Amino acid sequence: MLFDSKRLLLIVGPCSLENEKVCRTVADALTQLAKAHPELKIVFKGSFDKANRTSLAGDRGTGMAEGLKLLALVKKDYGFPVLTDVHEREQVKPVAAVCDVLQIPAFLCRQTDLLLAAAATGRVVNVKKGQFLSPQEMEFVVSKLKQVKAKEIWQTERGTTFGYQNLVVDMRSFALMKALGHPAIFDATHSVQLPGAAGGKSGGQREFVPALAKAALAAGADGLFIETHPDPAKAISDAASQIPLAGLPALIASCLAVWRAVRE
């Protein structure tokens, strides 16, 4: 299994795959982070297609062919397992040929055919809990994956719709999802999004990421999902919620302190 209960799972990388320079800059920093904290299990993430942009004008990223080349590069040169999103059944097979983890986006978490196709690859399947879904309803998502004998299932909490253009995180989610017998991860950066609130794109409140991440670990989360960029202001997606790469080591150190305290 890729998940190790004795280590803190950290899914981390840029929101959208942009180019080799950004990928290498982030991967270099993650290599140093791994050396400093052996108790981390790092999985590099990056999306080749941001298929649910608020506006048609939003940059969607590299596309699948170029994105998979970048992920293969990170895997080969840095040794990290890699994760990316799949949006359609046709993407599942080529993505599984490169990636260790297939991620089902939150808006697609009930798409049965996509779930079954991802599970059938033998790769880890990470399902983002929909913003419209209660944690209790993840039972049925997990059940679909188990029916086709998914090798390994991860569940990720990424906030729940709270009125217009806002999200809230229910810390009970981690206990409820873990009770299904599979790891529960907290998406700390998407949970501070302000969906569609920045004039044709999503805004965000990254200042709340540290508090929410530590609260989730205190509540029993098995891992963290954090998007980071060398210069978030220049990122092509989620510029307002990604963590500046320079600030990542301090954030992870503080989160590990909470993780250790809970385990003790």
Protein backbone atom coordinates (compact mmCIF):
# COMPACT_ATOMS: atom_id res chain seq x y z
CA MET A 1 0.00 0.00 0.00
CA LEU A 2 1.09 3.54 -0.72
CA PHE A 3 -0.53 4.88 2.46
CA ASP A 4 1.49 4.27 5.63
CA SER A 5 -0.32 4.93 8.91
CA LYS A 6 3.03 5.56 10.62
CA ARG A 7 3.80 8.52 8.36
CA LEU A 8 1.92 11.73 7.61
CA LEU A 9 0.67 11.62 4.04
CA LEU A 10 1.36 14.89 2.23
CA ILE A 11 -0.13 15.38 -1.23
CA VAL A 12 1.60 18.51 -2.46
CA GLY A 13 2.44 20.37 -5.64
CA PRO A 14 1.22 23.14 -7.91
CA CYS A 15 -2.48 23.41 -8.67
CA SER A 16 -1.97 23.30 -12.42
CA LEU A 17 1.02 21.84 -14.19
CA GLU A 18 2.60 24.78 -16.00
CA ASN A 19 6.11 23.93 -17.18
CA GLU A 20 9.25 22.00 -16.27
CA LYS A 21 10.78 24.91 -14.35
CA VAL A 22 7.88 25.15 -11.90
CA CYS A 23 7.76 21.37 -11.45
CA ARG A 24 11.48 21.12 -10.76
CA THR A 25 11.47 24.09 -8.39
CA VAL A 26 8.67 22.54 -6.35
CA ALA A 27 10.17 19.02 -6.49
CA ASP A 28 13.57 20.33 -5.35
CA ALA A 29 11.92 21.94 -2.32
CA LEU A 30 9.96 18.76 -1.56
CA THR A 31 13.19 16.74 -1.69
CA GLN A 32 14.64 18.95 1.04
CA LEU A 33 11.40 18.68 3.02
CA ALA A 34 11.54 14.87 2.82
CA LYS A 35 15.13 14.87 4.07
CA ALA A 36 14.23 17.13 6.99
CA HIS A 37 11.14 15.11 7.97
CA PRO A 38 11.45 11.35 7.32
CA GLU A 39 8.01 10.84 8.86
CA LEU A 40 6.43 12.44 5.79
CA LYS A 41 5.07 10.37 2.89
CA ILE A 42 5.13 12.84 0.02
CA VAL A 43 3.07 12.45 -3.14
CA PHE A 44 3.63 15.06 -5.87
CA LYS A 45 0.44 16.40 -7.44
CA GLY A 46 -0.30 18.52 -10.45
CA SER A 47 -3.29 18.85 -12.77
CA PHE A 48 -2.92 18.69 -16.56
CA ASP A 49 -6.42 20.05 -17.16
CA LYS A 50 -8.40 22.42 -14.98
CA ALA A 51 -11.63 21.32 -16.58
CA ASN A 52 -14.01 23.21 -14.29
CA ARG A 53 -12.77 26.80 -14.67
CA THR A 54 -15.25 29.48 -13.63
CA SER A 55 -14.88 31.21 -17.00
CA LEU A 56 -14.08 29.97 -20.50
CA ALA A 57 -11.22 32.49 -20.41
CA GLY A 58 -9.50 30.59 -17.58
CA ASP A 59 -6.20 28.85 -18.43
CA ARG A 60 -6.75 25.08 -18.30
CA GLY A 61 -3.11 23.99 -18.20
CA THR A 62 -0.78 21.85 -20.27
CA GLY A 63 -3.18 19.22 -21.57
CA MET A 64 -2.82 15.50 -20.91
CA ALA A 65 0.14 14.58 -23.14
CA GLU A 66 2.45 17.33 -21.90
CA GLY A 67 1.19 17.03 -18.32
CA LEU A 68 1.94 13.33 -18.15
CA LYS A 69 5.46 14.01 -19.47
CA LEU A 70 6.02 16.44 -16.60
CA LEU A 71 4.67 13.99 -14.03
CA ALA A 72 6.83 11.19 -15.44
CA LEU A 73 9.84 13.51 -15.18
CA VAL A 74 9.14 14.21 -11.50
CA LYS A 75 8.66 10.53 -10.78
CA LYS A 76 11.88 9.53 -12.57
CA ASP A 77 14.18 12.33 -11.43
CA TYR A 78 12.93 12.81 -7.88
CA GLY A 79 11.40 9.47 -6.93
CA PHE A 80 8.08 10.81 -5.67
CA PRO A 81 4.83 8.98 -6.37
CA VAL A 82 2.67 11.23 -8.55
CA LEU A 83 -1.02 12.12 -8.57
CA THR A 84 -3.28 13.85 -11.06
CA ASP A 85 -7.00 14.26 -11.78
CA VAL A 86 -9.02 12.32 -14.31
CA HIS A 87 -12.23 13.79 -15.70
CA GLU A 88 -13.35 11.26 -18.29
CA ARG A 89 -13.14 7.48 -18.66
CA GLU A 90 -10.96 7.88 -21.74
CA GLN A 91 -8.28 9.57 -19.65
CA VAL A 92 -8.04 6.81 -17.06
CA LYS A 93 -5.88 4.28 -18.91
CA PRO A 94 -3.14 6.66 -20.16
CA VAL A 95 -2.99 8.44 -16.81
CA ALA A 96 -2.73 5.14 -14.93
CA ALA A 97 0.25 4.21 -17.10
CA VAL A 98 2.19 7.09 -15.50
CA CYS A 99 0.56 8.04 -12.20
CA ASP A 100 0.48 6.17 -8.90
CA VAL A 101 -2.72 7.87 -7.75
CA LEU A 102 -5.77 8.77 -9.82
CA GLN A 103 -7.80 11.57 -8.34
CA ILE A 104 -11.54 11.97 -8.85
CA PRO A 105 -12.46 15.68 -8.70
CA ALA A 106 -15.07 16.75 -6.18
CA PHE A 107 -17.66 17.68 -8.80
CA LEU A 108 -17.34 14.16 -10.28
CA CYS A 109 -17.33 12.09 -7.10
CA ARG A 110 -20.68 10.46 -7.95
CA GLN A 111 -19.83 9.66 -11.58
CA THR A 112 -20.14 5.89 -11.40
CA ASP A 113 -18.45 4.96 -14.67
CA LEU A 114 -15.45 7.19 -13.90
CA LEU A 115 -15.08 5.71 -10.42
CA LEU A 116 -15.27 2.14 -11.69
CA ALA A 117 -12.77 2.77 -14.47
CA ALA A 118 -10.29 4.33 -12.05
CA ALA A 119 -10.67 1.48 -9.56
CA ALA A 120 -10.12 -1.14 -12.26
CA THR A 121 -6.61 0.20 -13.03
CA GLY A 122 -5.12 -1.15 -9.81
CA ARG A 123 -3.85 2.32 -8.94
CA VAL A 124 -4.71 4.20 -5.75
CA VAL A 125 -7.94 6.17 -6.14
CA ASN A 126 -8.26 9.44 -4.23
CA VAL A 127 -11.82 10.77 -4.24
CA LYS A 128 -12.49 14.39 -3.37
CA LYS A 129 -15.72 14.63 -1.39
CA GLY A 130 -18.10 16.84 -3.33
CA GLN A 131 -18.86 20.29 -1.94
CA PHE A 132 -22.50 19.20 -2.05
CA LEU A 133 -22.00 15.91 -0.21
CA SER A 134 -22.20 15.03 3.48
CA PRO A 135 -19.37 12.90 4.88
CA GLN A 136 -21.91 10.15 5.57
CA GLU A 137 -22.65 9.88 1.84
CA MET A 138 -19.06 8.91 1.13
CA GLU A 139 -20.16 5.41 2.15
CA PHE A 140 -21.76 5.01 -1.26
CA VAL A 141 -18.78 6.39 -3.15
CA VAL A 142 -16.47 3.97 -1.34
CA SER A 143 -18.92 1.13 -1.96
CA LYS A 144 -18.73 1.67 -5.72
CA LEU A 145 -14.94 1.49 -5.63
CA LYS A 146 -14.94 -1.60 -3.44
CA GLN A 147 -17.31 -3.44 -5.75
CA VAL A 148 -14.62 -3.51 -8.41
CA LYS A 149 -11.93 -4.26 -5.84
CA ALA A 150 -10.06 -0.97 -5.86
CA LYS A 151 -6.51 -1.61 -4.71
CA GLU A 152 -6.42 1.35 -2.33
CA ILE A 153 -8.97 4.09 -1.57
CA TRP A 154 -8.32 7.55 -0.18
CA GLN A 155 -11.01 10.10 0.74
CA THR A 156 -10.36 13.83 0.73
CA GLU A 157 -12.38 16.52 2.49
CA ARG A 158 -12.24 19.83 0.60
CA GLY A 159 -14.95 21.90 2.27
CA THR A 160 -18.71 22.07 1.90
CA THR A 161 -20.71 24.78 0.13
CA PHE A 162 -21.86 27.36 2.67
CA GLY A 163 -24.17 29.87 1.04
CA TYR A 164 -22.84 31.61 -2.04
CA GLN A 165 -19.11 31.64 -2.92
CA ASN A 166 -17.95 30.23 0.39
CA LEU A 167 -16.98 26.90 1.95
CA VAL A 168 -16.94 25.57 5.49
CA VAL A 169 -15.10 22.55 6.94
CA ASP A 170 -16.91 20.23 9.34
CA MET A 171 -14.20 18.65 11.48
CA ARG A 172 -16.48 15.68 12.19
CA SER A 173 -15.89 14.61 8.59
CA PHE A 174 -12.60 12.92 9.39
CA ALA A 175 -14.02 10.58 12.02
CA LEU A 176 -17.04 9.82 9.86
CA MET A 177 -15.00 9.04 6.74
CA LYS A 178 -12.30 7.11 8.59
CA ALA A 179 -15.05 4.89 10.01
CA LEU A 180 -15.48 3.59 6.44
CA GLY A 181 -12.08 1.94 6.80
CA HIS A 182 -10.05 4.14 4.46
CA PRO A 183 -7.75 7.13 5.03
CA ALA A 184 -9.29 10.58 5.31
CA ILE A 185 -7.21 13.47 3.99
CA PHE A 186 -7.74 17.23 4.37
CA ASP A 187 -7.44 19.49 1.34
CA ALA A 188 -6.26 22.59 3.14
CA THR A 189 -5.93 24.91 0.16
CA HIS A 190 -9.12 24.17 -1.78
CA SER A 191 -11.06 24.49 1.48
CA VAL A 192 -10.18 28.20 1.67
CA GLN A 193 -11.36 28.92 -1.87
CA LEU A 194 -14.03 31.51 -2.50
CA PRO A 195 -15.56 29.82 -5.57
CA GLY A 196 -16.23 32.20 -8.45
CA ALA A 197 -15.80 35.21 -6.19
CA ALA A 198 -12.96 37.00 -7.97
CA GLY A 199 -14.53 38.29 -11.16
CA GLY A 200 -14.73 35.21 -13.36
CA LYS A 201 -12.34 33.11 -11.26
CA SER A 202 -12.13 31.77 -7.73
CA GLY A 203 -10.74 33.81 -4.89
CA GLY A 204 -9.25 32.46 -1.71
CA GLN A 205 -8.10 33.13 1.85
CA ARG A 206 -4.74 31.38 2.21
CA GLU A 207 -4.22 33.00 5.61
CA PHE A 208 -6.60 30.40 7.07
CA VAL A 209 -4.74 27.36 5.70
CA PRO A 210 -2.45 26.86 8.75
CA ALA A 211 -5.28 26.96 11.29
CA LEU A 212 -7.52 24.63 9.31
CA ALA A 213 -4.71 22.19 8.52
CA LYS A 214 -3.72 21.87 12.16
CA ALA A 215 -7.34 21.60 13.27
CA ALA A 216 -7.91 18.76 10.78
CA LEU A 217 -4.89 16.85 12.07
CA ALA A 218 -6.08 17.37 15.64
CA ALA A 219 -9.45 15.96 14.54
CA GLY A 220 -7.79 12.82 13.18
CA ALA A 221 -7.03 13.50 9.50
CA ASP A 222 -4.54 10.99 8.07
CA GLY A 223 -2.94 13.40 5.65
CA LEU A 224 -2.89 16.83 4.08
CA PHE A 225 -3.40 18.04 0.52
CA ILE A 226 -1.63 21.37 -0.04
CA GLU A 227 -1.09 23.26 -3.26
CA THR A 228 2.07 25.34 -3.45
CA HIS A 229 3.75 27.53 -6.04
CA PRO A 230 7.04 29.45 -6.20
CA ASP A 231 5.07 32.64 -6.92
CA PRO A 232 1.33 32.14 -6.34
CA ALA A 233 0.48 35.53 -7.81
CA LYS A 234 1.70 34.22 -11.18
CA ALA A 235 0.02 30.81 -10.92
CA ILE A 236 -2.46 30.08 -13.69
CA SER A 237 -5.04 28.72 -11.23
CA ASP A 238 -5.92 29.12 -7.55
CA ALA A 239 -3.51 32.02 -7.15
CA ALA A 240 -5.30 33.24 -4.02
CA SER A 241 -5.26 29.97 -2.10
CA GLN A 242 -1.92 28.31 -2.93
CA ILE A 243 0.83 28.47 -0.32
CA PRO A 244 4.04 30.27 -1.35
CA LEU A 245 6.73 27.61 -1.71
CA ALA A 246 9.09 29.53 0.57
CA GLY A 247 6.56 29.28 3.39
CA LEU A 248 5.87 25.56 3.01
CA PRO A 249 8.63 24.22 5.34
CA ALA A 250 7.42 26.27 8.31
CA LEU A 251 3.80 25.27 7.68
CA ILE A 252 4.65 21.57 7.49
CA ALA A 253 6.82 21.74 10.61
CA SER A 254 3.93 23.22 12.59
CA CYS A 255 1.51 20.64 11.20
CA LEU A 256 3.86 17.79 12.08
CA ALA A 257 4.00 19.06 15.66
CA VAL A 258 0.23 18.66 15.91
CA TRP A 259 0.30 15.26 14.17
CA ARG A 260 2.92 13.99 16.62
CA ALA A 261 1.02 15.34 19.63
CA VAL A 262 -2.20 13.60 18.56
CA ARG A 263 -0.38 10.30 18.04
CA GLU A 264 1.21 10.52 21.49
